[in-house]
Amino acid sequence: MSRSASRSAATTSQASNEKTQKILNDVEEVKGVMTKNIDVLLQNHDKLENLEAASSDMQHHASVFKKQATSVKRAMWCKNCKLMIIIILIVVAVLLAIGIVVILPLVLKFT
């Protein structure tokens, strides 16, 4: 009986060692997967920070562009208004000149 009890204890011990080794292997595998996941998480965090910085820069540049575009728009509006006033004054001057040249002699002729 001692042989069979000894064999049974050795078999149980060997089975227990195999289970323990399998669990240790599973733990190491999970540990490896978690390490990879943490590395990917840190890489994603860095990418997110870079993206956030680029987005902030783009927002700042868009704001500056909008201010400059508004300034240019106002300057061009003023320039167009001045040009229209000059054109109107030239047309009025030409009409007055035509009026003086054509109408004044007619008025003087009949008076």
PDB file of N, CA and C in Angstrom:
ATOM      1  N   MET A   1       0.806  -1.196   0.000  1.00  0.00           N
ATOM      2  CA  MET A   1       0.000   0.000   0.000  1.00  0.00           C
ATOM      3  C   MET A   1       0.844   1.253   0.000  1.00  0.00           C
ATOM      4  N   SER A   2       1.937   1.189   0.556  1.00  0.00           N
ATOM      5  CA  SER A   2       2.756   2.375   0.615  1.00  0.00           C
ATOM      6  C   SER A   2       3.245   2.768  -0.773  1.00  0.00           C
ATOM      7  N   ARG A   3       3.436   1.745  -1.636  1.00  0.00           N
ATOM      8  CA  ARG A   3       3.838   2.057  -2.994  1.00  0.00           C
ATOM      9  C   ARG A   3       2.732   2.776  -3.734  1.00  0.00           C
ATOM     10  N   SER A   4       1.549   2.271  -3.615  1.00  0.00           N
ATOM     11  CA  SER A   4       0.440   2.896  -4.326  1.00  0.00           C
ATOM     12  C   SER A   4       0.141   4.266  -3.753  1.00  0.00           C
ATOM     13  N   ALA A   5       0.296   4.434  -2.443  1.00  0.00           N
ATOM     14  CA  ALA A   5       0.092   5.751  -1.838  1.00  0.00           C
ATOM     15  C   ALA A   5       1.195   6.684  -2.276  1.00  0.00           C
ATOM     16  N   SER A   6       2.393   6.158  -2.415  1.00  0.00           N
ATOM     17  CA  SER A   6       3.515   6.964  -2.846  1.00  0.00           C
ATOM     18  C   SER A   6       3.348   7.383  -4.304  1.00  0.00           C
ATOM     19  N   ARG A   7       2.893   6.435  -5.135  1.00  0.00           N
ATOM     20  CA  ARG A   7       2.643   6.755  -6.536  1.00  0.00           C
ATOM     21  C   ARG A   7       1.532   7.775  -6.658  1.00  0.00           C
ATOM     22  N   SER A   8       0.500   7.581  -5.878  1.00  0.00           N
ATOM     23  CA  SER A   8      -0.644   8.504  -5.901  1.00  0.00           C
ATOM     24  C   SER A   8      -0.207   9.899  -5.473  1.00  0.00           C
ATOM     25  N   ALA A   9       0.625   9.989  -4.461  1.00  0.00           N
ATOM     26  CA  ALA A   9       1.116  11.284  -3.988  1.00  0.00           C
ATOM     27  C   ALA A   9       2.026  11.908  -5.033  1.00  0.00           C
ATOM     28  N   ALA A  10       2.848  11.107  -5.705  1.00  0.00           N
ATOM     29  CA  ALA A  10       3.750  11.623  -6.728  1.00  0.00           C
ATOM     30  C   ALA A  10       2.946  12.094  -7.932  1.00  0.00           C
ATOM     31  N   THR A  11       1.927  11.329  -8.310  1.00  0.00           N
ATOM     32  CA  THR A  11       1.071  11.708  -9.439  1.00  0.00           C
ATOM     33  C   THR A  11       0.326  12.984  -9.119  1.00  0.00           C
ATOM     34  N   THR A  12      -0.183  13.082  -7.898  1.00  0.00           N
ATOM     35  CA  THR A  12      -0.897  14.281  -7.477  1.00  0.00           C
ATOM     36  C   THR A  12       0.045  15.472  -7.445  1.00  0.00           C
ATOM     37  N   SER A  13       1.250  15.251  -6.953  1.00  0.00           N
ATOM     38  CA  SER A  13       2.238  16.319  -6.887  1.00  0.00           C
ATOM     39  C   SER A  13       2.640  16.767  -8.294  1.00  0.00           C
ATOM     40  N   GLN A  14       2.818  15.801  -9.198  1.00  0.00           N
ATOM     41  CA  GLN A  14       3.182  16.124 -10.569  1.00  0.00           C
ATOM     42  C   GLN A  14       2.040  16.879 -11.253  1.00  0.00           C
ATOM     43  N   ALA A  15       0.817  16.461 -11.053  1.00  0.00           N
ATOM     44  CA  ALA A  15      -0.342  17.138 -11.630  1.00  0.00           C
ATOM     45  C   ALA A  15      -0.450  18.555 -11.065  1.00  0.00           C
ATOM     46  N   SER A  16      -0.186  18.686  -9.786  1.00  0.00           N
ATOM     47  CA  SER A  16      -0.229  19.994  -9.147  1.00  0.00           C
ATOM     48  C   SER A  16       0.864  20.896  -9.716  1.00  0.00           C
ATOM     49  N   ASN A  17       2.041  20.355  -9.945  1.00  0.00           N
ATOM     50  CA  ASN A  17       3.138  21.128 -10.530  1.00  0.00           C
ATOM     51  C   ASN A  17       2.795  21.557 -11.969  1.00  0.00           C
ATOM     52  N   GLU A  18       2.183  20.664 -12.729  1.00  0.00           N
ATOM     53  CA  GLU A  18       1.790  20.991 -14.107  1.00  0.00           C
ATOM     54  C   GLU A  18       0.746  22.119 -14.109  1.00  0.00           C
ATOM     55  N   LYS A  19      -0.221  22.024 -13.202  1.00  0.00           N
ATOM     56  CA  LYS A  19      -1.247  23.069 -13.109  1.00  0.00           C
ATOM     57  C   LYS A  19      -0.607  24.407 -12.714  1.00  0.00           C
ATOM     58  N   THR A  20       0.307  24.331 -11.748  1.00  0.00           N
ATOM     59  CA  THR A  20       0.986  25.547 -11.308  1.00  0.00           C
ATOM     60  C   THR A  20       1.797  26.152 -12.446  1.00  0.00           C
ATOM     61  N   GLN A  21       2.500  25.303 -13.193  1.00  0.00           N
ATOM     62  CA  GLN A  21       3.300  25.779 -14.314  1.00  0.00           C
ATOM     63  C   GLN A  21       2.401  26.388 -15.395  1.00  0.00           C
ATOM     64  N   LYS A  22       1.252  25.743 -15.663  1.00  0.00           N
ATOM     65  CA  LYS A  22       0.311  26.270 -16.649  1.00  0.00           C
ATOM     66  C   LYS A  22      -0.217  27.633 -16.209  1.00  0.00           C
ATOM     67  N   ILE A  23      -0.516  27.760 -14.943  1.00  0.00           N
ATOM     68  CA  ILE A  23      -1.005  29.043 -14.416  1.00  0.00           C
ATOM     69  C   ILE A  23       0.091  30.104 -14.529  1.00  0.00           C
ATOM     70  N   LEU A  24       1.320  29.731 -14.196  1.00  0.00           N
ATOM     71  CA  LEU A  24       2.437  30.675 -14.317  1.00  0.00           C
ATOM     72  C   LEU A  24       2.636  31.104 -15.771  1.00  0.00           C
ATOM     73  N   ASN A  25       2.519  30.133 -16.681  1.00  0.00           N
ATOM     74  CA  ASN A  25       2.645  30.463 -18.106  1.00  0.00           C
ATOM     75  C   ASN A  25       1.526  31.413 -18.539  1.00  0.00           C
ATOM     76  N   ASP A  26       0.308  31.122 -18.074  1.00  0.00           N
ATOM     77  CA  ASP A  26      -0.825  32.004 -18.398  1.00  0.00           C
ATOM     78  C   ASP A  26      -0.599  33.409 -17.839  1.00  0.00           C
ATOM     79  N   VAL A  27      -0.078  33.484 -16.624  1.00  0.00           N
ATOM     80  CA  VAL A  27       0.194  34.783 -15.996  1.00  0.00           C
ATOM     81  C   VAL A  27       1.235  35.538 -16.809  1.00  0.00           C
ATOM     82  N   GLU A  28       2.294  34.858 -17.245  1.00  0.00           N
ATOM     83  CA  GLU A  28       3.334  35.502 -18.052  1.00  0.00           C
ATOM     84  C   GLU A  28       2.764  35.988 -19.387  1.00  0.00           C
ATOM     85  N   GLU A  29       1.888  35.177 -19.968  1.00  0.00           N
ATOM     86  CA  GLU A  29       1.259  35.573 -21.239  1.00  0.00           C
ATOM     87  C   GLU A  29       0.394  36.818 -21.045  1.00  0.00           C
ATOM     88  N   VAL A  30      -0.398  36.838 -19.996  1.00  0.00           N
ATOM     89  CA  VAL A  30      -1.244  38.003 -19.693  1.00  0.00           C
ATOM     90  C   VAL A  30      -0.368  39.213 -19.397  1.00  0.00           C
ATOM     91  N   LYS A  31       0.738  38.988 -18.687  1.00  0.00           N
ATOM     92  CA  LYS A  31       1.654  40.069 -18.374  1.00  0.00           C
ATOM     93  C   LYS A  31       2.248  40.661 -19.659  1.00  0.00           C
ATOM     94  N   GLY A  32       2.598  39.810 -20.602  1.00  0.00           N
ATOM     95  CA  GLY A  32       3.120  40.280 -21.885  1.00  0.00           C
ATOM     96  C   GLY A  32       2.087  41.082 -22.655  1.00  0.00           C
ATOM     97  N   VAL A  33       0.856  40.588 -22.679  1.00  0.00           N
ATOM     98  CA  VAL A  33      -0.226  41.299 -23.375  1.00  0.00           C
ATOM     99  C   VAL A  33      -0.473  42.651 -22.715  1.00  0.00           C
ATOM    100  N   MET A  34      -0.485  42.692 -21.409  1.00  0.00           N
ATOM    101  CA  MET A  34      -0.724  43.945 -20.700  1.00  0.00           C
ATOM    102  C   MET A  34       0.432  44.934 -20.941  1.00  0.00           C
ATOM    103  N   THR A  35       1.655  44.434 -21.003  1.00  0.00           N
ATOM    104  CA  THR A  35       2.801  45.305 -21.288  1.00  0.00           C
ATOM    105  C   THR A  35       2.659  45.924 -22.675  1.00  0.00           C
ATOM    106  N   LYS A  36       2.277  45.091 -23.650  1.00  0.00           N
ATOM    107  CA  LYS A  36       2.040  45.615 -25.006  1.00  0.00           C
ATOM    108  C   LYS A  36       0.920  46.641 -24.997  1.00  0.00           C
ATOM    109  N   ASN A  37      -0.148  46.356 -24.279  1.00  0.00           N
ATOM    110  CA  ASN A  37      -1.276  47.294 -24.213  1.00  0.00           C
ATOM    111  C   ASN A  37      -0.854  48.631 -23.601  1.00  0.00           C
ATOM    112  N   ILE A  38      -0.033  48.567 -22.567  1.00  0.00           N
ATOM    113  CA  ILE A  38       0.433  49.804 -21.923  1.00  0.00           C
ATOM    114  C   ILE A  38       1.324  50.590 -22.879  1.00  0.00           C
ATOM    115  N   ASP A  39       2.186  49.882 -23.631  1.00  0.00           N
ATOM    116  CA  ASP A  39       3.034  50.560 -24.622  1.00  0.00           C
ATOM    117  C   ASP A  39       2.179  51.254 -25.687  1.00  0.00           C
ATOM    118  N   VAL A  40       1.172  50.556 -26.177  1.00  0.00           N
ATOM    119  CA  VAL A  40       0.273  51.146 -27.181  1.00  0.00           C
ATOM    120  C   VAL A  40      -0.465  52.339 -26.584  1.00  0.00           C
ATOM    121  N   LEU A  41      -0.897  52.222 -25.345  1.00  0.00           N
ATOM    122  CA  LEU A  41      -1.586  53.317 -24.675  1.00  0.00           C
ATOM    123  C   LEU A  41      -0.688  54.551 -24.573  1.00  0.00           C
ATOM    124  N   LEU A  42       0.574  54.353 -24.206  1.00  0.00           N
ATOM    125  CA  LEU A  42       1.508  55.478 -24.102  1.00  0.00           C
ATOM    126  C   LEU A  42       1.782  56.103 -25.464  1.00  0.00           C
ATOM    127  N   GLN A  43       1.903  55.274 -26.502  1.00  0.00           N
ATOM    128  CA  GLN A  43       2.093  55.798 -27.859  1.00  0.00           C
ATOM    129  C   GLN A  43       0.880  56.612 -28.292  1.00  0.00           C
ATOM    130  N   ASN A  44      -0.309  56.092 -28.011  1.00  0.00           N
ATOM    131  CA  ASN A  44      -1.534  56.817 -28.365  1.00  0.00           C
ATOM    132  C   ASN A  44      -1.631  58.134 -27.606  1.00  0.00           C
ATOM    133  N   HIS A  45      -1.204  58.119 -26.354  1.00  0.00           N
ATOM    134  CA  HIS A  45      -1.227  59.343 -25.548  1.00  0.00           C
ATOM    135  C   HIS A  45      -0.295  60.399 -26.155  1.00  0.00           C
ATOM    136  N   ASP A  46       0.898  59.962 -26.573  1.00  0.00           N
ATOM    137  CA  ASP A  46       1.840  60.893 -27.210  1.00  0.00           C
ATOM    138  C   ASP A  46       1.252  61.450 -28.506  1.00  0.00           C
ATOM    139  N   LYS A  47       0.657  60.572 -29.301  1.00  0.00           N
ATOM    140  CA  LYS A  47       0.044  61.017 -30.555  1.00  0.00           C
ATOM    141  C   LYS A  47      -1.090  61.998 -30.276  1.00  0.00           C
ATOM    142  N   LEU A  48      -1.862  61.721 -29.258  1.00  0.00           N
ATOM    143  CA  LEU A  48      -2.973  62.607 -28.897  1.00  0.00           C
ATOM    144  C   LEU A  48      -2.452  63.972 -28.460  1.00  0.00           C
ATOM    145  N   GLU A  49      -1.383  63.994 -27.685  1.00  0.00           N
ATOM    146  CA  GLU A  49      -0.794  65.273 -27.263  1.00  0.00           C
ATOM    147  C   GLU A  49      -0.291  66.057 -28.477  1.00  0.00           C
ATOM    148  N   ASN A  50       0.359  65.366 -29.411  1.00  0.00           N
ATOM    149  CA  ASN A  50       0.834  66.032 -30.632  1.00  0.00           C
ATOM    150  C   ASN A  50      -0.328  66.575 -31.448  1.00  0.00           C
ATOM    151  N   LEU A  51      -1.380  65.792 -31.555  1.00  0.00           N
ATOM    152  CA  LEU A  51      -2.562  66.220 -32.296  1.00  0.00           C
ATOM    153  C   LEU A  51      -3.219  67.419 -31.628  1.00  0.00           C
ATOM    154  N   GLU A  52      -3.264  67.412 -30.308  1.00  0.00           N
ATOM    155  CA  GLU A  52      -3.847  68.530 -29.569  1.00  0.00           C
ATOM    156  C   GLU A  52      -3.025  69.805 -29.782  1.00  0.00           C
ATOM    157  N   ALA A  53      -1.704  69.673 -29.776  1.00  0.00           N
ATOM    158  CA  ALA A  53      -0.834  70.837 -29.998  1.00  0.00           C
ATOM    159  C   ALA A  53      -1.017  71.376 -31.418  1.00  0.00           C
ATOM    160  N   ALA A  54      -1.091  70.473 -32.385  1.00  0.00           N
ATOM    161  CA  ALA A  54      -1.287  70.898 -33.778  1.00  0.00           C
ATOM    162  C   ALA A  54      -2.645  71.573 -33.945  1.00  0.00           C
ATOM    163  N   SER A  55      -3.658  71.046 -33.293  1.00  0.00           N
ATOM    164  CA  SER A  55      -4.992  71.634 -33.359  1.00  0.00           C
ATOM    165  C   SER A  55      -5.000  73.033 -32.750  1.00  0.00           C
ATOM    166  N   SER A  56      -4.309  73.193 -31.637  1.00  0.00           N
ATOM    167  CA  SER A  56      -4.224  74.501 -30.991  1.00  0.00           C
ATOM    168  C   SER A  56      -3.506  75.504 -31.896  1.00  0.00           C
ATOM    169  N   ASP A  57      -2.416  75.060 -32.514  1.00  0.00           N
ATOM    170  CA  ASP A  57      -1.688  75.938 -33.446  1.00  0.00           C
ATOM    171  C   ASP A  57      -2.570  76.336 -34.621  1.00  0.00           C
ATOM    172  N   MET A  58      -3.296  75.366 -35.165  1.00  0.00           N
ATOM    173  CA  MET A  58      -4.169  75.659 -36.302  1.00  0.00           C
ATOM    174  C   MET A  58      -5.264  76.643 -35.904  1.00  0.00           C
ATOM    175  N   GLN A  59      -5.805  76.491 -34.715  1.00  0.00           N
ATOM    176  CA  GLN A  59      -6.840  77.396 -34.249  1.00  0.00           C
ATOM    177  C   GLN A  59      -6.277  78.814 -34.115  1.00  0.00           C
ATOM    178  N   HIS A  60      -5.069  78.937 -33.590  1.00  0.00           N
ATOM    179  CA  HIS A  60      -4.434  80.248 -33.453  1.00  0.00           C
ATOM    180  C   HIS A  60      -4.200  80.870 -34.827  1.00  0.00           C
ATOM    181  N   HIS A  61      -3.662  80.090 -35.753  1.00  0.00           N
ATOM    182  CA  HIS A  61      -3.401  80.598 -37.099  1.00  0.00           C
ATOM    183  C   HIS A  61      -4.701  80.982 -37.805  1.00  0.00           C
ATOM    184  N   ALA A  62      -5.754  80.230 -37.583  1.00  0.00           N
ATOM    185  CA  ALA A  62      -7.053  80.562 -38.183  1.00  0.00           C
ATOM    186  C   ALA A  62      -7.566  81.891 -37.639  1.00  0.00           C
ATOM    187  N   SER A  63      -7.379  82.115 -36.352  1.00  0.00           N
ATOM    188  CA  SER A  63      -7.805  83.372 -35.746  1.00  0.00           C
ATOM    189  C   SER A  63      -7.024  84.546 -36.327  1.00  0.00           C
ATOM    190  N   VAL A  64      -5.710  84.386 -36.463  1.00  0.00           N
ATOM    191  CA  VAL A  64      -4.869  85.444 -37.041  1.00  0.00           C
ATOM    192  C   VAL A  64      -5.283  85.684 -38.492  1.00  0.00           C
ATOM    193  N   PHE A  65      -5.515  84.623 -39.238  1.00  0.00           N
ATOM    194  CA  PHE A  65      -5.928  84.755 -40.633  1.00  0.00           C
ATOM    195  C   PHE A  65      -7.254  85.503 -40.739  1.00  0.00           C
ATOM    196  N   LYS A  66      -8.191  85.179 -39.858  1.00  0.00           N
ATOM    197  CA  LYS A  66      -9.497  85.845 -39.898  1.00  0.00           C
ATOM    198  C   LYS A  66      -9.343  87.346 -39.639  1.00  0.00           C
ATOM    199  N   LYS A  67      -8.513  87.714 -38.661  1.00  0.00           N
ATOM    200  CA  LYS A  67      -8.292  89.129 -38.364  1.00  0.00           C
ATOM    201  C   LYS A  67      -7.654  89.835 -39.556  1.00  0.00           C
ATOM    202  N   GLN A  68      -6.661  89.207 -40.156  1.00  0.00           N
ATOM    203  CA  GLN A  68      -5.993  89.807 -41.310  1.00  0.00           C
ATOM    204  C   GLN A  68      -6.952  89.915 -42.498  1.00  0.00           C
ATOM    205  N   ALA A  69      -7.756  88.896 -42.712  1.00  0.00           N
ATOM    206  CA  ALA A  69      -8.712  88.925 -43.822  1.00  0.00           C
ATOM    207  C   ALA A  69      -9.728  90.040 -43.625  1.00  0.00           C
ATOM    208  N   THR A  70     -10.189  90.237 -42.396  1.00  0.00           N
ATOM    209  CA  THR A  70     -11.131  91.319 -42.104  1.00  0.00           C
ATOM    210  C   THR A  70     -10.479  92.672 -42.353  1.00  0.00           C
ATOM    211  N   SER A  71      -9.228  92.804 -41.950  1.00  0.00           N
ATOM    212  CA  SER A  71      -8.508  94.055 -42.166  1.00  0.00           C
ATOM    213  C   SER A  71      -8.341  94.345 -43.660  1.00  0.00           C
ATOM    214  N   VAL A  72      -7.969  93.336 -44.421  1.00  0.00           N
ATOM    215  CA  VAL A  72      -7.809  93.503 -45.868  1.00  0.00           C
ATOM    216  C   VAL A  72      -9.151  93.830 -46.514  1.00  0.00           C
ATOM    217  N   LYS A  73     -10.200  93.176 -46.057  1.00  0.00           N
ATOM    218  CA  LYS A  73     -11.541  93.428 -46.606  1.00  0.00           C
ATOM    219  C   LYS A  73     -11.940  94.884 -46.386  1.00  0.00           C
ATOM    220  N   ARG A  74     -11.709  95.402 -45.186  1.00  0.00           N
ATOM    221  CA  ARG A  74     -12.032  96.807 -44.904  1.00  0.00           C
ATOM    222  C   ARG A  74     -11.190  97.747 -45.760  1.00  0.00           C
ATOM    223  N   ALA A  75      -9.906  97.452 -45.885  1.00  0.00           N
ATOM    224  CA  ALA A  75      -9.022  98.295 -46.692  1.00  0.00           C
ATOM    225  C   ALA A  75      -9.477  98.309 -48.153  1.00  0.00           C
ATOM    226  N   MET A  76      -9.844  97.160 -48.679  1.00  0.00           N
ATOM    227  CA  MET A  76     -10.309  97.090 -50.069  1.00  0.00           C
ATOM    228  C   MET A  76     -11.647  97.814 -50.230  1.00  0.00           C
ATOM    229  N   TRP A  77     -12.528  97.752 -49.226  1.00  0.00           N
ATOM    230  CA  TRP A  77     -13.812  98.453 -49.294  1.00  0.00           C
ATOM    231  C   TRP A  77     -13.558  99.960 -49.354  1.00  0.00           C
ATOM    232  N   CYS A  78     -12.643 100.447 -48.504  1.00  0.00           N
ATOM    233  CA  CYS A  78     -12.304 101.881 -48.520  1.00  0.00           C
ATOM    234  C   CYS A  78     -11.706 102.285 -49.863  1.00  0.00           C
ATOM    235  N   LYS A  79     -10.833 101.468 -50.387  1.00  0.00           N
ATOM    236  CA  LYS A  79     -10.220 101.759 -51.678  1.00  0.00           C
ATOM    237  C   LYS A  79     -11.282 101.804 -52.782  1.00  0.00           C
ATOM    238  N   ASN A  80     -12.215 100.869 -52.758  1.00  0.00           N
ATOM    239  CA  ASN A  80     -13.296 100.850 -53.760  1.00  0.00           C
ATOM    240  C   ASN A  80     -14.183 102.081 -53.621  1.00  0.00           C
ATOM    241  N   CYS A  81     -14.469 102.484 -52.376  1.00  0.00           N
ATOM    242  CA  CYS A  81     -15.296 103.686 -52.175  1.00  0.00           C
ATOM    243  C   CYS A  81     -14.584 104.917 -52.733  1.00  0.00           C
ATOM    244  N   LYS A  82     -13.298 105.067 -52.459  1.00  0.00           N
ATOM    245  CA  LYS A  82     -12.535 106.206 -52.982  1.00  0.00           C
ATOM    246  C   LYS A  82     -12.541 106.199 -54.506  1.00  0.00           C
ATOM    247  N   LEU A  83     -12.364 105.019 -55.088  1.00  0.00           N
ATOM    248  CA  LEU A  83     -12.364 104.906 -56.542  1.00  0.00           C
ATOM    249  C   LEU A  83     -13.729 105.287 -57.120  1.00  0.00           C
ATOM    250  N   MET A  84     -14.797 104.853 -56.488  1.00  0.00           N
ATOM    251  CA  MET A  84     -16.147 105.212 -56.955  1.00  0.00           C
ATOM    252  C   MET A  84     -16.387 106.713 -56.845  1.00  0.00           C
ATOM    253  N   ILE A  85     -15.934 107.330 -55.767  1.00  0.00           N
ATOM    254  CA  ILE A  85     -16.093 108.784 -55.605  1.00  0.00           C
ATOM    255  C   ILE A  85     -15.318 109.514 -56.700  1.00  0.00           C
ATOM    256  N   ILE A  86     -14.112 109.067 -56.974  1.00  0.00           N
ATOM    257  CA  ILE A  86     -13.311 109.699 -58.029  1.00  0.00           C
ATOM    258  C   ILE A  86     -13.998 109.548 -59.379  1.00  0.00           C
ATOM    259  N   ILE A  87     -14.517 108.367 -59.677  1.00  0.00           N
ATOM    260  CA  ILE A  87     -15.217 108.149 -60.961  1.00  0.00           C
ATOM    261  C   ILE A  87     -16.443 109.048 -61.058  1.00  0.00           C
ATOM    262  N   ILE A  88     -17.204 109.128 -59.974  1.00  0.00           N
ATOM    263  CA  ILE A  88     -18.405 109.980 -59.979  1.00  0.00           C
ATOM    264  C   ILE A  88     -18.012 111.439 -60.194  1.00  0.00           C
ATOM    265  N   LEU A  89     -16.965 111.904 -59.519  1.00  0.00           N
ATOM    266  CA  LEU A  89     -16.510 113.288 -59.691  1.00  0.00           C
ATOM    267  C   LEU A  89     -16.048 113.544 -61.127  1.00  0.00           C
ATOM    268  N   ILE A  90     -15.363 112.594 -61.731  1.00  0.00           N
ATOM    269  CA  ILE A  90     -14.932 112.751 -63.119  1.00  0.00           C
ATOM    270  C   ILE A  90     -16.133 112.829 -64.049  1.00  0.00           C
ATOM    271  N   VAL A  91     -17.123 111.956 -63.833  1.00  0.00           N
ATOM    272  CA  VAL A  91     -18.332 111.972 -64.669  1.00  0.00           C
ATOM    273  C   VAL A  91     -19.052 113.312 -64.510  1.00  0.00           C
ATOM    274  N   VAL A  92     -19.175 113.793 -63.287  1.00  0.00           N
ATOM    275  CA  VAL A  92     -19.837 115.084 -63.048  1.00  0.00           C
ATOM    276  C   VAL A  92     -19.044 116.202 -63.720  1.00  0.00           C
ATOM    277  N   ALA A  93     -17.718 116.143 -63.600  1.00  0.00           N
ATOM    278  CA  ALA A  93     -16.881 117.172 -64.233  1.00  0.00           C
ATOM    279  C   ALA A  93     -17.041 117.144 -65.751  1.00  0.00           C
ATOM    280  N   VAL A  94     -17.073 115.953 -66.328  1.00  0.00           N
ATOM    281  CA  VAL A  94     -17.257 115.837 -67.778  1.00  0.00           C
ATOM    282  C   VAL A  94     -18.628 116.370 -68.176  1.00  0.00           C
ATOM    283  N   LEU A  95     -19.642 116.034 -67.419  1.00  0.00           N
ATOM    284  CA  LEU A  95     -20.987 116.535 -67.725  1.00  0.00           C
ATOM    285  C   LEU A  95     -21.054 118.052 -67.597  1.00  0.00           C
ATOM    286  N   LEU A  96     -20.401 118.593 -66.583  1.00  0.00           N
ATOM    287  CA  LEU A  96     -20.366 120.042 -66.430  1.00  0.00           C
ATOM    288  C   LEU A  96     -19.612 120.688 -67.593  1.00  0.00           C
ATOM    289  N   ALA A  97     -18.506 120.051 -67.984  1.00  0.00           N
ATOM    290  CA  ALA A  97     -17.734 120.590 -69.104  1.00  0.00           C
ATOM    291  C   ALA A  97     -18.562 120.555 -70.382  1.00  0.00           C
ATOM    292  N   ILE A  98     -19.245 119.450 -70.611  1.00  0.00           N
ATOM    293  CA  ILE A  98     -20.119 119.352 -71.795  1.00  0.00           C
ATOM    294  C   ILE A  98     -21.231 120.385 -71.688  1.00  0.00           C
ATOM    295  N   GLY A  99     -21.784 120.522 -70.502  1.00  0.00           N
ATOM    296  CA  GLY A  99     -22.849 121.507 -70.296  1.00  0.00           C
ATOM    297  C   GLY A  99     -22.372 122.919 -70.559  1.00  0.00           C
ATOM    298  N   ILE A 100     -21.185 123.213 -70.085  1.00  0.00           N
ATOM    299  CA  ILE A 100     -20.643 124.553 -70.289  1.00  0.00           C
ATOM    300  C   ILE A 100     -20.336 124.781 -71.765  1.00  0.00           C
ATOM    301  N   VAL A 101     -19.740 123.790 -72.397  1.00  0.00           N
ATOM    302  CA  VAL A 101     -19.355 123.942 -73.797  1.00  0.00           C
ATOM    303  C   VAL A 101     -20.575 123.968 -74.709  1.00  0.00           C
ATOM    304  N   VAL A 102     -21.556 123.161 -74.469  1.00  0.00           N
ATOM    305  CA  VAL A 102     -22.702 123.055 -75.376  1.00  0.00           C
ATOM    306  C   VAL A 102     -23.835 123.973 -74.948  1.00  0.00           C
ATOM    307  N   ILE A 103     -24.216 123.948 -73.711  1.00  0.00           N
ATOM    308  CA  ILE A 103     -25.415 124.654 -73.271  1.00  0.00           C
ATOM    309  C   ILE A 103     -25.145 126.139 -73.050  1.00  0.00           C
ATOM    310  N   LEU A 104     -24.029 126.517 -72.520  1.00  0.00           N
ATOM    311  CA  LEU A 104     -23.754 127.923 -72.243  1.00  0.00           C
ATOM    312  C   LEU A 104     -23.793 128.779 -73.524  1.00  0.00           C
ATOM    313  N   PRO A 105     -23.195 128.341 -74.610  1.00  0.00           N
ATOM    314  CA  PRO A 105     -23.310 129.163 -75.820  1.00  0.00           C
ATOM    315  C   PRO A 105     -24.760 129.274 -76.297  1.00  0.00           C
ATOM    316  N   LEU A 106     -25.541 128.235 -76.116  1.00  0.00           N
ATOM    317  CA  LEU A 106     -26.953 128.296 -76.510  1.00  0.00           C
ATOM    318  C   LEU A 106     -27.728 129.266 -75.645  1.00  0.00           C
ATOM    319  N   VAL A 107     -27.443 129.251 -74.360  1.00  0.00           N
ATOM    320  CA  VAL A 107     -28.127 130.159 -73.421  1.00  0.00           C
ATOM    321  C   VAL A 107     -27.712 131.584 -73.733  1.00  0.00           C
ATOM    322  N   LEU A 108     -26.465 131.830 -73.992  1.00  0.00           N
ATOM    323  CA  LEU A 108     -25.996 133.178 -74.294  1.00  0.00           C
ATOM    324  C   LEU A 108     -26.521 133.657 -75.636  1.00  0.00           C
ATOM    325  N   LYS A 109     -26.688 132.763 -76.538  1.00  0.00           N
ATOM    326  CA  LYS A 109     -27.182 133.106 -77.866  1.00  0.00           C
ATOM    327  C   LYS A 109     -28.630 133.594 -77.793  1.00  0.00           C
ATOM    328  N   PHE A 110     -29.425 132.998 -76.935  1.00  0.00           N
ATOM    329  CA  PHE A 110     -30.837 133.378 -76.823  1.00  0.00           C
ATOM    330  C   PHE A 110     -31.061 134.514 -75.833  1.00  0.00           C
ATOM    331  N   THR A 111     -30.098 134.929 -75.124  1.00  0.00           N
ATOM    332  CA  THR A 111     -30.310 136.040 -74.209  1.00  0.00           C
ATOM    333  C   THR A 111     -29.858 137.345 -74.719  1.00  0.00           C
TER     334      THR A 111
END
